N, C-alpha and C. Protein backbone atom coordinates (compact mmCIF):
# COMPACT_ATOMS: atom_id res chain seq x y z
N MET A 1 0.62 -0.96 -0.07
CA MET A 1 0.16 0.29 0.23
C MET A 1 0.61 1.11 -0.37
N SER A 2 0.74 1.91 -0.65
CA SER A 2 1.12 3.59 -0.76
C SER A 2 1.12 4.75 -0.56
N PHE A 3 1.17 5.06 0.07
CA PHE A 3 0.56 6.54 0.80
C PHE A 3 0.65 7.70 0.34
N THR A 4 0.32 9.03 0.32
CA THR A 4 0.88 10.17 -0.93
C THR A 4 0.97 10.77 0.78
N TYR A 5 1.01 10.84 1.78
CA TYR A 5 0.87 11.79 3.16
C TYR A 5 1.94 11.21 4.44
N ILE A 6 2.36 12.09 4.38
CA ILE A 6 2.73 12.07 5.65
C ILE A 6 2.94 13.08 7.47
N ARG A 7 3.45 12.19 8.49
CA ARG A 7 2.81 12.79 9.67
C ARG A 7 3.51 13.70 10.17
N LEU A 8 3.32 14.56 10.40
CA LEU A 8 3.48 16.03 11.34
C LEU A 8 4.48 16.02 12.65
N HIS A 9 4.96 17.24 13.07
CA HIS A 9 5.19 16.71 14.90
C HIS A 9 4.34 17.31 15.53
N SER A 10 3.29 18.24 14.76
CA SER A 10 1.86 18.10 15.46
C SER A 10 0.85 16.87 16.07
N GLY A 11 0.97 16.16 14.78
CA GLY A 11 0.07 14.99 14.12
C GLY A 11 -0.51 14.02 13.92
N LYS A 12 -0.69 15.80 13.20
CA LYS A 12 -0.95 16.02 11.73
C LYS A 12 -0.97 15.70 10.45
N ARG A 13 -1.61 14.81 9.31
CA ARG A 13 -1.69 14.19 8.19
C ARG A 13 -1.30 15.47 7.38
N PHE A 14 -0.43 14.90 6.28
CA PHE A 14 -0.63 16.26 4.83
C PHE A 14 -0.19 15.24 4.14
N ASP A 15 -1.47 15.41 3.07
CA ASP A 15 -0.56 15.29 1.65
C ASP A 15 -0.27 15.83 0.87
N PHE A 16 0.36 14.90 0.43
CA PHE A 16 0.99 15.90 -1.11
C PHE A 16 0.33 15.74 -2.41
N ILE A 17 -0.57 15.50 -2.36
CA ILE A 17 -1.70 15.14 -3.65
C ILE A 17 -2.82 15.91 -3.68
N ASN A 18 -3.47 16.31 -2.25
CA ASN A 18 -3.90 16.97 -2.18
C ASN A 18 -3.92 17.93 -0.87
N PRO A 19 -2.66 18.87 -0.85
CA PRO A 19 -3.07 19.32 0.58
C PRO A 19 -3.85 20.57 1.21
N LEU A 20 -4.30 20.05 2.02
CA LEU A 20 -5.68 21.03 2.71
C LEU A 20 -5.17 22.41 3.16
N GLN A 21 -5.60 23.57 3.98
CA GLN A 21 -5.46 24.60 5.12
C GLN A 21 -5.69 24.19 5.91
N SER A 22 -6.21 23.24 6.58
CA SER A 22 -6.04 22.28 7.40
C SER A 22 -4.71 22.10 8.19
N GLN A 23 -4.07 21.29 6.73
CA GLN A 23 -3.04 20.86 7.14
C GLN A 23 -1.86 21.19 7.37
N ILE A 24 -1.37 22.14 7.31
CA ILE A 24 -0.60 23.95 7.23
C ILE A 24 -0.64 23.87 8.94
N ASP A 25 -0.05 24.00 9.46
CA ASP A 25 0.64 24.82 10.99
C ASP A 25 1.47 25.51 10.87
N ILE A 26 1.79 26.70 11.08
CA ILE A 26 2.31 28.12 11.71
C ILE A 26 3.72 26.49 12.16
N LYS A 27 3.27 25.84 13.07
CA LYS A 27 3.84 25.70 14.56
C LYS A 27 4.79 23.66 13.51
N ASP A 28 4.06 23.54 12.84
CA ASP A 28 4.83 22.48 12.66
C ASP A 28 5.94 23.20 11.56
N ILE A 29 5.57 24.49 11.11
CA ILE A 29 6.46 25.36 10.50
C ILE A 29 8.06 25.46 10.19
N ALA A 30 8.36 25.93 11.90
CA ALA A 30 8.31 26.62 12.39
C ALA A 30 9.68 25.79 12.93
N TYR A 31 9.50 24.60 12.89
CA TYR A 31 9.32 23.52 14.13
C TYR A 31 10.63 23.06 12.86
N SER A 32 10.17 22.54 11.79
CA SER A 32 10.71 21.83 11.12
C SER A 32 12.02 22.02 10.34
N LEU A 33 11.62 24.16 9.80
CA LEU A 33 11.89 25.60 9.26
C LEU A 33 13.39 24.70 9.61
N SER A 34 13.27 25.36 11.69
CA SER A 34 14.67 25.32 12.45
C SER A 34 16.12 24.22 12.87
N ARG A 35 14.52 22.99 11.89
CA ARG A 35 15.78 21.93 12.47
C ARG A 35 15.74 21.67 10.94
N LYS A 36 15.97 22.12 9.63
CA LYS A 36 16.75 21.53 8.12
C LYS A 36 17.64 22.50 8.29
N GLY A 37 18.88 22.82 7.60
CA GLY A 37 19.93 22.92 7.50
C GLY A 37 20.31 23.38 5.67
N ARG A 38 20.24 24.32 6.53
CA ARG A 38 21.19 25.35 4.31
C ARG A 38 21.86 24.51 3.71
N PHE A 39 21.68 24.60 2.34
CA PHE A 39 22.60 24.31 1.83
C PHE A 39 23.22 22.44 1.71
N ASN A 40 21.87 21.93 1.54
CA ASN A 40 21.76 20.69 1.91
C ASN A 40 23.28 20.10 2.60
N ASP A 41 22.71 20.71 4.76
CA ASP A 41 23.97 20.00 5.21
C ASP A 41 25.18 20.41 4.86
N HIS A 42 25.48 21.07 4.30
CA HIS A 42 26.70 20.79 3.94
C HIS A 42 27.78 21.92 4.67
N THR A 43 27.35 23.04 5.71
CA THR A 43 28.01 24.07 5.83
C THR A 43 29.21 24.10 6.73
N ASN A 44 30.20 25.10 7.49
CA ASN A 44 30.38 24.85 8.31
C ASN A 44 29.80 24.83 9.79
N GLU A 45 28.45 25.15 9.92
CA GLU A 45 28.66 24.61 10.82
C GLU A 45 27.17 24.99 10.89
N PHE A 46 26.36 24.11 11.94
CA PHE A 46 24.77 24.55 11.46
C PHE A 46 24.99 26.00 11.02
N TYR A 47 23.66 25.76 10.31
CA TYR A 47 22.76 26.66 9.82
C TYR A 47 21.14 26.54 9.59
N SER A 48 20.07 26.90 10.20
CA SER A 48 19.11 26.66 9.97
C SER A 48 18.25 27.09 8.07
N VAL A 49 16.83 26.14 7.78
CA VAL A 49 16.37 27.61 6.96
C VAL A 49 15.41 28.56 7.42
N ALA A 50 15.35 28.31 8.73
CA ALA A 50 13.96 28.91 9.52
C ALA A 50 14.82 30.55 9.49
N GLN A 51 16.43 30.63 10.08
CA GLN A 51 17.11 31.81 10.38
C GLN A 51 17.66 32.31 9.51
N HIS A 52 17.63 31.97 8.11
CA HIS A 52 17.39 32.71 6.38
C HIS A 52 16.90 32.87 5.97
N CYS A 53 15.49 32.68 6.85
CA CYS A 53 14.36 33.41 6.34
C CYS A 53 14.37 33.96 7.45
N CYS A 54 14.47 34.48 8.48
CA CYS A 54 14.75 34.82 9.31
C CYS A 54 14.85 36.36 9.35
N HIS A 55 16.35 35.94 8.93
CA HIS A 55 17.12 36.89 7.67
C HIS A 55 17.08 37.57 6.43
N CYS A 56 15.90 37.09 6.08
CA CYS A 56 15.66 37.42 5.00
C CYS A 56 14.13 38.34 5.34
N SER A 57 13.96 38.39 6.40
CA SER A 57 12.09 39.00 6.84
C SER A 57 13.10 40.50 7.65
N ASP A 58 13.97 39.87 7.89
CA ASP A 58 15.24 41.77 8.23
C ASP A 58 15.41 42.72 7.71
N ASN A 59 15.52 41.90 5.71
CA ASN A 59 16.52 42.79 5.62
C ASN A 59 15.67 42.88 4.35
N VAL A 60 14.48 43.10 4.05
CA VAL A 60 13.72 42.46 2.67
C VAL A 60 13.61 44.02 2.81
N GLU A 61 13.49 44.95 1.05
CA GLU A 61 12.92 46.38 1.51
C GLU A 61 11.21 46.28 1.46
N GLY A 62 10.97 47.61 2.12
CA GLY A 62 9.29 47.58 2.35
C GLY A 62 8.92 46.07 3.45
N GLU A 63 8.48 47.15 4.10
CA GLU A 63 8.05 46.85 5.63
C GLU A 63 7.06 45.59 4.98
N ASP A 64 5.63 46.09 4.38
CA ASP A 64 4.60 44.87 3.67
C ASP A 64 5.32 43.93 2.99
N ASN A 65 6.24 43.47 2.72
CA ASN A 65 7.00 42.68 2.43
C ASN A 65 7.45 41.32 3.17
N ARG A 66 7.62 41.29 4.85
CA ARG A 66 9.01 40.51 5.57
C ARG A 66 7.86 40.02 5.94
N LEU A 67 6.29 39.52 5.89
CA LEU A 67 6.08 38.01 5.72
C LEU A 67 5.78 37.41 4.99
N ASP A 68 5.79 37.58 4.26
CA ASP A 68 5.87 37.26 2.72
C ASP A 68 7.95 36.89 2.56
N ALA A 69 9.03 37.79 3.17
CA ALA A 69 10.75 36.77 3.16
C ALA A 69 10.62 35.84 4.45
N LEU A 70 9.61 36.00 5.53
CA LEU A 70 9.79 34.70 5.81
C LEU A 70 9.73 33.48 6.24
N MET A 71 8.73 33.56 5.22
CA MET A 71 7.56 32.62 5.10
C MET A 71 7.74 31.83 3.41
N HIS A 72 8.55 32.69 2.71
CA HIS A 72 9.29 32.03 1.19
C HIS A 72 9.70 30.86 1.14
N ASP A 73 10.43 29.83 2.13
CA ASP A 73 10.80 28.71 1.27
C ASP A 73 9.44 27.66 2.89
N ALA A 74 9.03 28.02 3.21
CA ALA A 74 7.58 27.60 4.20
C ALA A 74 7.73 26.07 3.31
N SER A 75 7.54 25.99 1.99
CA SER A 75 6.60 24.99 1.88
C SER A 75 7.91 23.19 1.69
N GLU A 76 8.46 24.20 2.80
CA GLU A 76 10.55 23.04 2.47
C GLU A 76 9.90 21.69 3.76
N ALA A 77 8.92 22.96 4.93
CA ALA A 77 8.80 21.59 5.87
C ALA A 77 8.06 20.86 5.73
N TYR A 78 7.38 21.06 4.75
CA TYR A 78 6.23 19.88 4.12
C TYR A 78 7.57 19.18 2.96
N ILE A 79 7.70 19.73 2.43
CA ILE A 79 8.81 18.57 1.24
C ILE A 79 10.34 19.17 1.23
N GLN A 80 10.50 18.62 0.79
CA GLN A 80 11.82 18.18 1.02
C GLN A 80 12.78 19.13 -0.18
N ASP A 81 13.14 20.17 0.40
CA ASP A 81 13.78 21.20 -1.22
C ASP A 81 14.49 20.72 -1.57
N LEU A 82 15.20 20.79 -2.46
CA LEU A 82 16.55 19.85 -2.65
C LEU A 82 17.00 20.95 -3.72
N PRO A 83 18.50 20.52 -3.85
CA PRO A 83 19.69 21.38 -5.03
C PRO A 83 18.70 22.14 -6.16
N SER A 84 19.38 23.19 -6.34
CA SER A 84 18.84 23.87 -7.13
C SER A 84 18.91 22.46 -8.82
N PRO A 85 20.14 22.11 -9.19
CA PRO A 85 20.43 21.44 -10.50
C PRO A 85 20.04 20.17 -9.70
N LEU A 86 20.16 19.75 -9.11
CA LEU A 86 18.84 18.75 -9.27
C LEU A 86 17.43 18.33 -9.63
N LYS A 87 16.85 19.96 -8.76
CA LYS A 87 15.53 20.19 -8.56
C LYS A 87 14.70 20.32 -10.40
N THR A 88 15.87 21.12 -11.51
CA THR A 88 16.00 21.20 -12.62
C THR A 88 15.97 19.25 -13.66
N LEU A 89 16.54 18.69 -12.37
CA LEU A 89 16.32 17.54 -13.39
C LEU A 89 14.64 16.90 -13.29
N LEU A 90 14.56 17.25 -12.24
CA LEU A 90 13.49 15.89 -11.95
C LEU A 90 12.29 17.17 -11.62
N PRO A 91 11.14 17.50 -13.06
CA PRO A 91 10.48 18.13 -13.37
C PRO A 91 9.54 17.52 -12.96
N GLN A 92 9.11 16.42 -12.11
CA GLN A 92 7.51 16.48 -10.84
C GLN A 92 7.49 17.16 -9.89
N TYR A 93 8.99 17.10 -9.61
CA TYR A 93 8.53 17.90 -8.00
C TYR A 93 8.83 19.28 -7.83
N LYS A 94 8.92 20.23 -9.50
CA LYS A 94 8.50 21.60 -9.28
C LYS A 94 6.51 21.27 -9.65
N VAL A 95 5.94 20.65 -10.25
CA VAL A 95 4.71 20.92 -9.49
C VAL A 95 4.23 20.43 -8.59
N LEU A 96 5.13 19.35 -7.63
CA LEU A 96 4.20 19.15 -6.68
C LEU A 96 4.58 19.90 -5.86
N GLU A 97 6.09 20.86 -5.29
CA GLU A 97 6.38 21.87 -4.67
C GLU A 97 5.98 22.72 -4.77
N SER A 98 4.98 22.81 -6.29
CA SER A 98 3.79 24.52 -6.25
C SER A 98 2.69 23.95 -5.51
N ARG A 99 2.45 22.90 -5.50
CA ARG A 99 0.90 22.90 -5.41
C ARG A 99 0.99 22.75 -4.03
N VAL A 100 2.54 22.42 -2.90
CA VAL A 100 2.68 22.62 -1.52
C VAL A 100 2.55 24.34 -0.85
N GLU A 101 3.59 25.18 -2.06
CA GLU A 101 3.33 27.19 -1.64
C GLU A 101 1.87 27.57 -1.60
N LYS A 102 1.31 26.29 -3.59
CA LYS A 102 0.21 27.27 -3.13
C LYS A 102 -1.36 27.07 -2.38
N ALA A 103 -0.89 25.90 -1.57
CA ALA A 103 -2.22 26.69 -0.24
C ALA A 103 -1.56 26.58 1.54
N ILE A 104 -0.25 26.57 1.07
CA ILE A 104 0.52 27.53 1.93
C ILE A 104 0.95 29.50 1.58
N ALA A 105 -0.09 29.23 0.81
CA ALA A 105 -0.29 30.93 0.84
C ALA A 105 -1.46 31.38 0.89
N LYS A 106 -2.62 29.64 -0.20
CA LYS A 106 -3.70 30.50 0.72
C LYS A 106 -3.90 30.75 1.54
N LYS A 107 -3.54 30.05 2.46
CA LYS A 107 -3.72 29.37 4.26
C LYS A 107 -3.27 30.68 5.00
N PHE A 108 -1.84 31.53 4.25
CA PHE A 108 -1.11 33.22 5.09
C PHE A 108 -1.13 34.07 4.19
N ASN A 109 -2.44 34.32 3.51
CA ASN A 109 -2.47 35.27 2.30
C ASN A 109 -1.05 36.20 2.15
N LEU A 110 -0.28 34.91 1.08
CA LEU A 110 0.77 34.75 0.56
C LEU A 110 0.74 35.36 -0.40
N THR A 111 1.78 35.66 -1.06
CA THR A 111 1.97 36.96 -2.49
C THR A 111 2.46 35.61 -3.63
N LEU A 112 1.79 34.77 -4.63
CA LEU A 112 3.21 34.50 -6.22
C LEU A 112 2.75 34.25 -6.53
N PRO A 113 3.98 34.93 -7.65
CA PRO A 113 4.62 34.66 -7.11
C PRO A 113 5.12 35.29 -6.07
N HIS A 114 6.52 35.32 -5.35
CA HIS A 114 7.30 36.12 -3.84
C HIS A 114 7.32 37.72 -5.47
N PRO A 115 6.84 38.05 -4.11
CA PRO A 115 7.86 39.72 -4.76
C PRO A 115 9.15 40.40 -4.86
N VAL A 116 9.51 40.68 -5.86
CA VAL A 116 10.76 40.62 -6.74
C VAL A 116 11.60 41.33 -5.57
N GLU A 117 10.73 41.96 -4.60
CA GLU A 117 11.27 41.96 -3.08
C GLU A 117 12.28 40.79 -2.39
N VAL A 118 11.45 39.65 -2.24
CA VAL A 118 11.75 38.79 -1.52
C VAL A 118 12.72 38.38 -2.04
N LYS A 119 12.89 37.80 -3.71
CA LYS A 119 13.62 37.57 -5.00
C LYS A 119 15.02 37.81 -4.17
N ASN A 120 14.72 38.59 -4.16
CA ASN A 120 16.35 40.39 -3.89
C ASN A 120 16.92 40.25 -3.61
N ILE A 121 15.84 39.73 -2.07
CA ILE A 121 17.34 39.78 -0.68
C ILE A 121 17.45 38.31 -0.87
N ASP A 122 16.38 37.10 -1.17
CA ASP A 122 16.59 35.93 -1.41
C ASP A 122 17.99 35.49 -1.54
N MET A 123 18.75 36.49 -2.77
CA MET A 123 19.67 36.04 -3.18
C MET A 123 20.73 37.11 -2.36
N VAL A 124 20.43 37.92 -1.50
CA VAL A 124 21.59 38.50 -0.95
C VAL A 124 22.01 37.38 0.41
N MET A 125 21.10 37.54 0.47
CA MET A 125 21.72 35.82 1.93
C MET A 125 22.96 34.47 0.79
N LEU A 126 21.96 34.59 0.11
CA LEU A 126 22.15 33.67 -1.00
C LEU A 126 23.94 33.28 -0.42
N VAL A 127 24.58 34.95 -1.51
CA VAL A 127 25.30 35.46 -1.11
C VAL A 127 25.76 35.67 0.23
N THR A 128 25.85 36.15 0.98
CA THR A 128 26.19 36.61 2.46
C THR A 128 26.17 34.76 2.82
N GLU A 129 25.67 34.27 2.57
CA GLU A 129 25.29 32.44 3.47
C GLU A 129 26.50 31.64 3.04
N MET A 130 26.35 32.38 1.91
CA MET A 130 28.19 31.01 0.95
C MET A 130 29.52 32.36 1.38
N ARG A 131 29.01 32.68 1.95
CA ARG A 131 30.58 33.64 2.60
C ARG A 131 31.42 33.42 4.32
N ASP A 132 30.05 33.23 4.63
CA ASP A 132 29.71 32.92 5.74
C ASP A 132 29.67 31.46 6.73
N PHE A 133 28.68 30.82 5.44
CA PHE A 133 29.08 29.43 6.44
C PHE A 133 29.30 28.26 5.62
N MET A 134 30.47 28.93 4.35
CA MET A 134 30.89 27.19 3.34
C MET A 134 32.28 27.76 3.02
N LYS A 135 33.45 26.57 2.18
CA LYS A 135 33.82 26.21 1.42
C LYS A 135 33.61 26.72 0.72
N GLY A 136 35.03 27.77 0.33
CA GLY A 136 34.94 27.50 -1.71
C GLY A 136 34.84 29.37 -1.67
N ASN A 137 34.00 29.20 -3.40
CA ASN A 137 34.19 30.25 -3.18
C ASN A 137 33.47 30.78 -4.43
N ASP A 138 31.94 30.30 -4.69
CA ASP A 138 31.08 30.44 -6.33
C ASP A 138 30.21 31.20 -6.20
N ARG A 139 30.53 32.63 -5.11
CA ARG A 139 29.31 33.12 -5.39
C ARG A 139 30.42 34.13 -5.81
N LYS A 140 31.43 33.61 -6.68
CA LYS A 140 31.92 35.14 -7.47
C LYS A 140 31.04 35.52 -8.60
N ARG A 141 30.07 33.39 -9.04
CA ARG A 141 28.93 33.84 -9.86
C ARG A 141 27.85 34.79 -9.53
N LEU A 142 27.69 34.75 -8.75
CA LEU A 142 26.65 35.90 -8.55
C LEU A 142 26.64 37.01 -8.31
N THR A 143 25.92 37.94 -8.82
CA THR A 143 26.01 39.34 -8.12
C THR A 143 25.29 40.07 -8.03
N SER A 144 24.33 39.30 -7.12
CA SER A 144 23.99 40.26 -5.99
C SER A 144 25.33 39.78 -4.68
N LYS A 145 25.44 41.62 -4.36
CA LYS A 145 26.24 41.41 -2.93
C LYS A 145 25.99 41.35 -1.84
N PRO A 146 26.62 41.09 -0.83
CA PRO A 146 26.83 39.88 0.09
C PRO A 146 25.83 41.06 1.83
N LEU A 147 25.63 41.18 2.76
CA LEU A 147 25.45 42.51 3.74
C LEU A 147 26.37 42.14 3.82
N THR A 148 26.39 42.99 5.13
CA THR A 148 27.95 43.65 5.65
C THR A 148 29.06 43.33 6.85
N GLU A 149 26.72 42.65 6.82
CA GLU A 149 28.06 42.15 8.31
C GLU A 149 27.90 40.49 8.61
N LYS A 150 28.80 39.98 9.26
CA LYS A 150 28.97 38.48 9.26
C LYS A 150 27.74 38.27 10.15
N LEU A 151 26.82 36.95 9.51
CA LEU A 151 25.92 35.76 10.52
C LEU A 151 26.75 34.08 11.02
N TYR A 152 26.37 34.58 12.29
CA TYR A 152 26.96 33.73 13.19
C TYR A 152 25.62 32.58 13.70
N SER A 153 25.26 31.64 13.65
CA SER A 153 25.10 30.17 13.54
C SER A 153 24.17 30.77 14.68
N TRP A 154 22.52 30.40 14.68
CA TRP A 154 22.43 30.18 16.35
C TRP A 154 21.57 28.37 16.32
N SER A 155 21.10 28.35 17.00
CA SER A 155 20.87 26.77 17.02
C SER A 155 19.16 27.07 17.28
N GLN A 156 19.16 25.61 17.26
CA GLN A 156 17.72 24.81 16.22
C GLN A 156 16.31 25.88 17.40
N GLU A 157 16.58 25.00 18.73
CA GLU A 157 15.19 25.93 19.37
C GLU A 157 15.86 27.46 19.42
N GLU A 158 17.19 27.85 19.60
CA GLU A 158 16.68 30.12 18.68
C GLU A 158 16.04 29.90 17.73
N ALA A 159 16.18 29.83 16.96
CA ALA A 159 16.26 29.37 15.44
C ALA A 159 14.66 29.02 15.14
N HIS A 160 14.07 28.61 15.97
CA HIS A 160 12.83 28.03 16.27
C HIS A 160 11.76 29.16 17.17
N ARG A 161 12.92 29.38 17.71
CA ARG A 161 11.71 30.99 18.87
C ARG A 161 12.19 32.02 18.10
N GLU A 162 12.70 32.26 17.50
CA GLU A 162 13.23 34.08 16.52
C GLU A 162 12.44 33.67 15.09
N PHE A 163 11.81 32.73 14.68
CA PHE A 163 11.69 32.62 13.25
C PHE A 163 9.65 32.52 14.21
N MET A 164 9.04 31.93 15.20
CA MET A 164 7.91 32.24 15.53
C MET A 164 7.20 33.72 15.75
N PHE A 165 8.54 34.45 16.88
CA PHE A 165 8.36 36.02 16.75
C PHE A 165 8.00 36.75 16.38
N ARG A 166 9.00 36.19 14.80
CA ARG A 166 8.73 37.22 13.84
C ARG A 166 7.46 36.96 13.34
N TYR A 167 6.91 35.83 12.81
CA TYR A 167 5.38 35.38 13.54
C TYR A 167 4.59 35.84 13.80
N ASP A 168 4.56 36.02 14.95
CA ASP A 168 3.74 36.92 15.68
C ASP A 168 3.87 38.05 16.07
N LYS A 169 4.28 38.89 15.35
CA LYS A 169 4.66 40.29 15.30
C LYS A 169 4.00 40.72 13.94
N LEU A 170 4.72 39.39 12.82
CA LEU A 170 3.85 39.87 11.24
C LEU A 170 1.91 39.88 11.65
N LYS A 171 1.98 39.55 11.94
CA LYS A 171 0.69 38.93 12.17
C LYS A 171 -0.72 39.35 13.24
N LYS A 172 0.50 40.32 14.23
CA LYS A 172 -0.53 41.04 14.14
C LYS A 172 0.02 42.54 14.10
N ASN A 173 0.32 43.23 13.00
CA ASN A 173 0.73 43.98 12.03
C ASN A 173 1.29 44.52 12.39
N ASN A 174 2.66 44.22 13.36
CA ASN A 174 3.41 44.99 13.22
C ASN A 174 4.26 44.64 12.56
N ARG A 175 4.35 45.28 11.77
CA ARG A 175 5.37 45.09 10.65
C ARG A 175 6.57 46.44 10.66
N SER A 176 6.89 46.66 11.62
CA SER A 176 8.47 47.49 12.68
C SER A 176 9.04 47.37 13.66
N TYR A 177 9.04 45.29 13.31
CA TYR A 177 8.81 44.88 14.36
C TYR A 177 10.50 45.00 15.33
N ILE A 178 10.60 45.30 16.52
CA ILE A 178 11.50 45.45 17.27
C ILE A 178 12.13 43.93 17.93
N ARG A 179 13.64 43.57 17.63
CA ARG A 179 13.73 42.47 18.96
C ARG A 179 14.46 42.81 19.69
N PRO A 180 13.84 42.52 21.23
CA PRO A 180 14.59 43.19 22.30
C PRO A 180 16.41 42.49 22.64
N PRO A 181 17.27 43.00 23.13
CA PRO A 181 18.18 42.47 22.71
C PRO A 181 17.78 40.53 23.11
N VAL A 182 19.13 40.24 22.98
CA VAL A 182 19.02 38.23 23.80
C VAL A 182 19.66 38.40 24.80
């Protein structure tokens, strides 16, 4: 027997063929993204997708884009991200990924396709993260300039807490949240 669903941290089921808004939960997203490593886990130290999303939200142009930036990789909580070169070899993956992204966008009232400002900060973060967490120097082939400040790795717990903090503030329409000192 073949199943088309997975069981989530919350205990809910998530069906890849028919993803429903009722199956999507911000707590599952934050939990999962805080435990998933960027760059297919090939960083010098652990660096989570949740931390990446927080940095995107903090640095995106336009306060109205902060929630979209925070949630731009939320589908990775349900459908494992693949390195871009591998994605191009698996066209059916893109179909499933698109289905999941649409369900998440509908649930959280996000913009699809992602706003250009979100795509831009995602590229800035890519170059910054490559500089701070990767060996080698592939970033020369990218045109975006990195952030000036160096990034430091957060623990899974910190990434989860920071992701939820931003989400809670943004959902309350406090677009210009200021994070208190830790």
